[in-house]
Amino acid sequence: MPQPIEASWLAVRRAADERARATSVPLIEQLAAQVTSLMADNRHHDTSRGPSDAASDGLLRRIAFVDVGAGTGANQEWLGPQVQQRMGQRWAQDWHLLDHDASLLAQARPSSHAWLAGTTRHVGGVEEVGPVLGGLQRPRVVTCSALLDLLTTEQIDALVRACVASSEGALWSLSVTGEVRLEPGDATDQRVADLFNRHQRGGDQSDSTLGPDAWRYAERAFEAAGWTVELATTAWHLGPADEALTRRLLTERAAAARSATDEQATRQHVDAWLAGRLSDIDAGRLRMSVDHADVLALPPSVISAQTSSPRA
């Protein structure tokens, strides 16, 4: 699983994440519509059902969400109400928060919603997602947020296999694309971006993380398995009100860029770039956009005739 993530980082990015995810609502609507349609079709065609089953239709139906790399539970807190709003009062949600960092899971807040039940589970790696899914009642949806770029090709392949074998859909959110824009512009911006993306990709080792290429790799992997994929662009748009996040982003971006080169002159240029950008923040003139992509994947059995959302 990915290297440990600081809880302070998850906290400082939460507001920007929630603003960005507003553009992925069409994906949530499609997921909700198709899962509820699938379950309605299953009830209609299930010849094993008897009179007592029909009487139980008035009870809540439950949907299981397996949230991979759940951290402190931000994905459940944001996505749960969004799904519930679109699936109706006869549905309830069971969230299973998985992470390799037990200290982060311990900070996940219990849900205050009567229709949402949550559990946390410490796991050693993504290979444990399949067995978790297999033990849950259908329908099952696999989610994650800001995770894919920290994974290797083997780990993404394992997640896709688990989804294809044992779920009704996947919604993987807020994967960085490598596109960052700063205003006002600076001649060194692109050089720093290239170094940063090289660092995020982890070099040429076979076990390297995919960084900004991860969301495209996941898209192709699902499509190769016969699933349909829809995309949404979920960008951070940061200004003076986001100073803490922007300052941390730029500082860590410069540190990653420095570590991606052995050239002292290049490192000095990165240091000068960071000093200038922090001065722009202090002056209240810096604007920053960081692109992300959300990936919705659905199997053929739940593809409806409704019009699909525009692809990113």
Protein backbone atom coordinates (compact mmCIF):
# COMPACT_ATOMS: atom_id res chain seq x y z
CA MET A 1 0.00 0.00 0.00
CA PRO A 2 1.09 3.66 -0.37
CA GLN A 3 3.45 5.38 2.01
CA PRO A 4 1.87 6.88 5.15
CA ILE A 5 -0.19 10.02 4.62
CA GLU A 6 -0.30 12.72 7.27
CA ALA A 7 -3.70 13.45 8.80
CA SER A 8 -2.87 17.17 8.62
CA TRP A 9 -2.61 16.89 4.81
CA LEU A 10 -6.00 15.21 4.59
CA ALA A 11 -7.50 17.95 6.74
CA VAL A 12 -6.01 20.90 4.84
CA ARG A 13 -7.21 19.61 1.46
CA ARG A 14 -10.76 18.66 2.46
CA ALA A 15 -12.50 21.96 1.57
CA ALA A 16 -10.81 22.10 -1.86
CA ASP A 17 -11.76 18.47 -2.50
CA GLU A 18 -15.41 19.10 -1.72
CA ARG A 19 -15.58 22.14 -4.01
CA ALA A 20 -13.90 20.23 -6.84
CA ARG A 21 -16.20 17.24 -6.56
CA ALA A 22 -19.28 19.29 -7.44
CA THR A 23 -18.46 18.64 -11.10
CA SER A 24 -18.62 14.86 -10.57
CA VAL A 25 -22.28 14.87 -9.48
CA PRO A 26 -23.41 13.55 -12.92
CA LEU A 27 -21.28 10.46 -12.29
CA ILE A 28 -22.94 9.95 -8.90
CA GLU A 29 -26.37 10.31 -10.49
CA GLN A 30 -25.50 7.69 -13.10
CA LEU A 31 -24.11 5.30 -10.49
CA ALA A 32 -27.18 5.66 -8.27
CA ALA A 33 -29.64 5.25 -11.16
CA GLN A 34 -27.97 2.19 -12.57
CA VAL A 35 -27.47 0.37 -9.27
CA THR A 36 -31.09 0.90 -8.25
CA SER A 37 -32.22 -0.17 -11.74
CA LEU A 38 -30.10 -3.30 -11.52
CA MET A 39 -31.59 -4.29 -8.17
CA ALA A 40 -35.12 -3.65 -9.45
CA ASP A 41 -34.45 -5.90 -12.44
CA ASN A 42 -33.03 -8.60 -10.15
CA ARG A 43 -36.16 -8.55 -7.99
CA HIS A 44 -38.38 -8.74 -11.09
CA HIS A 45 -36.55 -11.75 -12.54
CA ASP A 46 -35.91 -13.64 -9.28
CA THR A 47 -38.27 -16.63 -9.56
CA SER A 48 -37.18 -17.90 -6.15
CA ARG A 49 -39.01 -15.11 -4.37
CA GLY A 50 -42.18 -15.99 -2.49
CA PRO A 51 -45.04 -13.98 -0.91
CA SER A 52 -42.94 -13.20 2.14
CA ASP A 53 -40.27 -11.68 -0.09
CA ALA A 54 -42.81 -9.40 -1.70
CA ALA A 55 -43.98 -8.28 1.71
CA SER A 56 -40.41 -7.38 2.66
CA ASP A 57 -40.04 -4.96 -0.24
CA GLY A 58 -41.14 -2.15 2.03
CA LEU A 59 -37.99 -2.57 4.09
CA LEU A 60 -34.79 -0.65 3.47
CA ARG A 61 -32.49 -2.11 0.87
CA ARG A 62 -28.79 -1.74 1.66
CA ILE A 63 -25.88 -0.89 -0.61
CA ALA A 64 -22.32 -1.73 0.46
CA PHE A 65 -19.48 0.71 -0.22
CA VAL A 66 -15.90 -0.45 0.12
CA ASP A 67 -13.70 2.64 0.42
CA VAL A 68 -10.06 1.84 -0.32
CA GLY A 69 -7.41 4.05 1.26
CA ALA A 70 -10.16 5.64 3.32
CA GLY A 71 -7.86 7.62 5.61
CA THR A 72 -9.92 9.65 8.07
CA GLY A 73 -13.21 9.01 6.25
CA ALA A 74 -13.60 12.14 4.13
CA ASN A 75 -14.89 10.21 1.11
CA GLN A 76 -17.67 8.59 3.12
CA GLU A 77 -18.66 11.91 4.67
CA TRP A 78 -18.99 13.65 1.30
CA LEU A 79 -20.14 10.87 -1.01
CA GLY A 80 -22.59 9.16 1.34
CA PRO A 81 -25.10 12.05 1.46
CA GLN A 82 -24.70 12.66 -2.27
CA VAL A 83 -25.62 9.05 -3.04
CA GLN A 84 -28.46 8.97 -0.54
CA GLN A 85 -30.03 12.06 -2.05
CA ARG A 86 -30.21 10.28 -5.39
CA MET A 87 -31.11 6.73 -4.34
CA GLY A 88 -34.16 7.51 -2.23
CA GLN A 89 -35.40 6.83 1.27
CA ARG A 90 -35.81 3.07 0.79
CA TRP A 91 -32.04 2.63 0.60
CA ALA A 92 -29.45 2.55 3.38
CA GLN A 93 -25.67 2.42 3.13
CA ASP A 94 -23.02 0.21 4.72
CA TRP A 95 -19.54 1.72 4.39
CA HIS A 96 -16.43 -0.38 4.92
CA LEU A 97 -13.39 1.89 5.32
CA LEU A 98 -10.11 0.16 4.43
CA ASP A 99 -6.64 1.57 4.98
CA HIS A 100 -3.14 0.32 5.70
CA ASP A 101 -2.75 3.08 8.34
CA ALA A 102 -4.71 2.24 11.47
CA SER A 103 -3.93 5.64 13.02
CA LEU A 104 -5.82 7.41 10.23
CA LEU A 105 -8.80 5.06 10.48
CA ALA A 106 -8.97 5.77 14.21
CA GLN A 107 -9.73 9.41 13.36
CA ALA A 108 -12.72 8.61 11.14
CA ARG A 109 -15.82 10.18 12.65
CA PRO A 110 -18.89 7.99 13.24
CA SER A 111 -21.75 8.90 10.93
CA SER A 112 -24.62 10.92 12.36
CA HIS A 113 -26.99 9.64 9.65
CA ALA A 114 -29.44 6.91 10.58
CA TRP A 115 -29.26 5.49 7.04
CA LEU A 116 -25.45 5.08 7.09
CA ALA A 117 -23.52 2.45 9.03
CA GLY A 118 -19.73 2.47 8.93
CA THR A 119 -16.95 0.10 9.90
CA THR A 120 -13.18 0.45 9.65
CA ARG A 121 -10.71 -2.28 8.77
CA HIS A 122 -6.92 -2.19 8.82
CA VAL A 123 -5.59 -3.98 5.70
CA GLY A 124 -2.12 -4.74 4.51
CA GLY A 125 -2.64 -4.13 0.80
CA VAL A 126 -5.08 -3.87 -2.08
CA GLU A 127 -5.04 -7.64 -2.56
CA GLU A 128 -7.33 -7.80 0.49
CA VAL A 129 -10.10 -5.82 -1.22
CA GLY A 130 -11.41 -8.85 -3.14
CA PRO A 131 -11.98 -10.99 -0.04
CA VAL A 132 -13.67 -8.07 1.72
CA LEU A 133 -16.05 -7.61 -1.21
CA GLY A 134 -16.79 -11.31 -1.37
CA GLY A 135 -18.11 -11.30 2.17
CA LEU A 136 -20.64 -8.50 1.60
CA GLN A 137 -24.23 -8.51 0.39
CA ARG A 138 -24.91 -7.05 -3.06
CA PRO A 139 -25.01 -4.44 -4.43
CA ARG A 140 -21.39 -3.49 -3.81
CA VAL A 141 -19.56 -0.38 -5.00
CA VAL A 142 -15.81 0.23 -4.66
CA THR A 143 -14.71 3.80 -4.02
CA CYS A 144 -11.49 5.65 -3.34
CA SER A 145 -10.36 9.26 -3.25
CA ALA A 146 -6.91 10.69 -4.05
CA LEU A 147 -5.43 7.20 -4.10
CA LEU A 148 -4.72 5.99 -7.64
CA ASP A 149 -1.62 8.13 -8.23
CA LEU A 150 0.01 6.45 -5.22
CA LEU A 151 -0.42 2.95 -6.65
CA THR A 152 1.60 0.76 -9.03
CA THR A 153 0.26 -0.91 -12.15
CA GLU A 154 0.04 -4.20 -10.26
CA GLN A 155 -2.00 -2.62 -7.46
CA ILE A 156 -4.43 -0.93 -9.88
CA ASP A 157 -4.77 -4.20 -11.79
CA ALA A 158 -5.61 -5.96 -8.50
CA LEU A 159 -8.27 -3.37 -7.68
CA VAL A 160 -9.82 -3.61 -11.13
CA ARG A 161 -9.91 -7.42 -10.92
CA ALA A 162 -11.65 -7.22 -7.53
CA CYS A 163 -14.24 -4.78 -8.89
CA VAL A 164 -14.93 -6.80 -12.02
CA ALA A 165 -15.30 -10.03 -10.06
CA SER A 166 -17.35 -8.83 -7.13
CA SER A 167 -18.94 -5.38 -7.53
CA GLU A 168 -21.67 -3.48 -9.34
CA GLY A 169 -19.52 -0.42 -9.96
CA ALA A 170 -16.53 1.71 -9.00
CA LEU A 171 -16.18 5.46 -8.43
CA TRP A 172 -12.55 6.48 -8.07
CA SER A 173 -12.20 10.19 -7.34
CA LEU A 174 -9.66 13.02 -7.29
CA SER A 175 -6.73 11.45 -9.13
CA VAL A 176 -4.15 14.03 -10.14
CA THR A 177 -3.59 14.44 -13.88
CA GLY A 178 -0.30 16.34 -13.73
CA GLU A 179 -1.84 19.56 -15.04
CA VAL A 180 -1.14 22.55 -12.77
CA ARG A 181 -1.57 26.21 -13.67
CA LEU A 182 -0.20 29.16 -11.72
CA GLU A 183 -1.09 32.82 -12.17
CA PRO A 184 0.86 34.96 -12.64
CA GLY A 185 3.00 32.65 -14.75
CA ASP A 186 6.71 32.08 -14.25
CA ALA A 187 9.31 30.81 -16.71
CA THR A 188 10.32 28.02 -14.31
CA ASP A 189 6.79 26.65 -13.78
CA GLN A 190 7.03 23.99 -16.50
CA ARG A 191 10.49 22.83 -15.44
CA VAL A 192 9.28 22.33 -11.88
CA ALA A 193 6.16 20.55 -13.18
CA ASP A 194 8.26 18.15 -15.25
CA LEU A 195 10.49 17.33 -12.29
CA PHE A 196 7.54 16.90 -9.96
CA ASN A 197 5.73 14.54 -12.34
CA ARG A 198 8.93 12.54 -12.80
CA HIS A 199 9.13 12.15 -9.03
CA GLN A 200 5.46 11.14 -8.79
CA ARG A 201 5.92 8.46 -11.43
CA GLY A 202 8.70 6.99 -9.31
CA GLY A 203 11.26 6.55 -12.07
CA ASP A 204 11.62 3.49 -14.25
CA GLN A 205 11.43 0.70 -11.65
CA SER A 206 8.84 -2.01 -12.22
CA ASP A 207 7.26 -1.28 -8.84
CA SER A 208 6.98 2.47 -9.43
CA THR A 209 3.80 4.35 -8.70
CA LEU A 210 1.97 5.71 -11.73
CA GLY A 211 1.47 9.24 -10.45
CA PRO A 212 -0.46 11.40 -12.95
CA ASP A 213 -0.80 8.49 -15.39
CA ALA A 214 -2.81 6.34 -12.94
CA TRP A 215 -6.33 7.46 -13.85
CA ARG A 216 -5.78 6.79 -17.55
CA TYR A 217 -4.32 3.38 -16.72
CA ALA A 218 -7.38 2.57 -14.60
CA GLU A 219 -9.69 3.70 -17.40
CA ARG A 220 -7.97 1.40 -19.92
CA ALA A 221 -7.94 -1.52 -17.48
CA PHE A 222 -11.70 -1.30 -16.90
CA GLU A 223 -12.40 -0.95 -20.61
CA ALA A 224 -10.22 -3.99 -21.35
CA ALA A 225 -12.44 -5.93 -18.93
CA GLY A 226 -15.54 -4.88 -20.88
CA TRP A 227 -16.72 -2.22 -18.47
CA THR A 228 -17.95 1.23 -19.50
CA VAL A 229 -16.05 4.22 -18.12
CA GLU A 230 -17.20 7.81 -17.68
CA LEU A 231 -14.92 10.64 -16.58
CA ALA A 232 -15.25 14.00 -14.89
CA THR A 233 -12.67 16.74 -14.39
CA THR A 234 -12.49 17.75 -10.73
CA ALA A 235 -10.04 20.62 -10.46
CA TRP A 236 -8.91 22.57 -7.43
CA HIS A 237 -9.17 26.32 -7.99
CA LEU A 238 -7.17 27.96 -5.22
CA GLY A 239 -6.83 31.60 -4.24
CA PRO A 240 -6.01 33.73 -1.18
CA ALA A 241 -8.63 31.96 0.94
CA ASP A 242 -6.73 28.68 0.40
CA GLU A 243 -3.36 29.98 1.59
CA ALA A 244 -2.55 27.06 3.91
CA LEU A 245 -3.19 24.48 1.20
CA THR A 246 -1.43 26.45 -1.54
CA ARG A 247 1.63 27.10 0.62
CA ARG A 248 1.89 23.43 1.51
CA LEU A 249 1.34 22.32 -2.08
CA LEU A 250 4.09 24.54 -3.42
CA THR A 251 6.55 23.66 -0.66
CA GLU A 252 6.06 19.93 -1.14
CA ARG A 253 6.05 20.34 -4.92
CA ALA A 254 9.45 22.02 -4.74
CA ALA A 255 10.82 19.32 -2.42
CA ALA A 256 9.70 16.59 -4.82
CA ALA A 257 11.15 18.46 -7.79
CA ARG A 258 14.51 18.85 -6.04
CA SER A 259 14.65 15.14 -5.24
CA ALA A 260 14.05 14.28 -8.92
CA THR A 261 17.36 15.76 -10.07
CA ASP A 262 21.03 15.52 -9.07
CA GLU A 263 21.92 18.78 -10.78
CA GLN A 264 22.79 21.42 -8.20
CA ALA A 265 22.03 24.28 -10.57
CA THR A 266 18.55 22.89 -11.23
CA ARG A 267 17.93 22.51 -7.51
CA GLN A 268 18.92 26.13 -6.98
CA HIS A 269 16.46 27.18 -9.68
CA VAL A 270 13.72 25.23 -7.90
CA ASP A 271 14.60 26.93 -4.60
CA ALA A 272 14.43 30.35 -6.25
CA TRP A 273 11.12 29.43 -7.86
CA LEU A 274 9.65 28.43 -4.50
CA ALA A 275 10.84 31.64 -2.82
CA GLY A 276 9.19 33.69 -5.54
CA ARG A 277 5.94 31.74 -5.36
CA LEU A 278 5.75 32.07 -1.57
CA SER A 279 6.22 35.81 -2.03
CA ASP A 280 3.28 35.78 -4.46
CA ILE A 281 1.18 34.10 -1.77
CA ASP A 282 2.24 36.68 0.81
CA ALA A 283 1.21 39.44 -1.60
CA GLY A 284 -2.20 37.81 -2.16
CA ARG A 285 -1.73 37.60 -5.93
CA LEU A 286 -1.22 33.88 -6.55
CA ARG A 287 -3.92 31.73 -8.13
CA MET A 288 -3.42 28.00 -8.60
CA SER A 289 -5.42 25.33 -10.44
CA VAL A 290 -4.69 21.63 -9.93
CA ASP A 291 -6.53 19.24 -12.25
CA HIS A 292 -7.93 15.92 -11.04
CA ALA A 293 -10.03 13.24 -12.73
CA ASP A 294 -12.89 11.13 -11.38
CA VAL A 295 -13.43 7.68 -12.92
CA LEU A 296 -16.81 5.93 -12.89
CA ALA A 297 -16.72 2.31 -14.10
CA LEU A 298 -19.82 0.16 -14.60
CA PRO A 299 -20.16 -3.43 -15.84
CA PRO A 300 -22.28 -4.28 -18.89
CA SER A 301 -25.04 -5.68 -16.66
CA VAL A 302 -25.78 -2.25 -15.20
CA ILE A 303 -25.44 -0.09 -18.31
CA SER A 304 -28.78 1.57 -18.90
CA ALA A 305 -30.19 3.24 -22.00
CA GLN A 306 -29.98 6.69 -20.40
CA THR A 307 -27.73 9.28 -21.97
CA SER A 308 -24.22 9.04 -20.54
CA SER A 309 -22.42 12.05 -19.11
CA PRO A 310 -19.85 13.90 -21.27
CA ARG A 311 -16.38 12.45 -21.16
CA ALA A 312 -13.57 14.59 -19.81
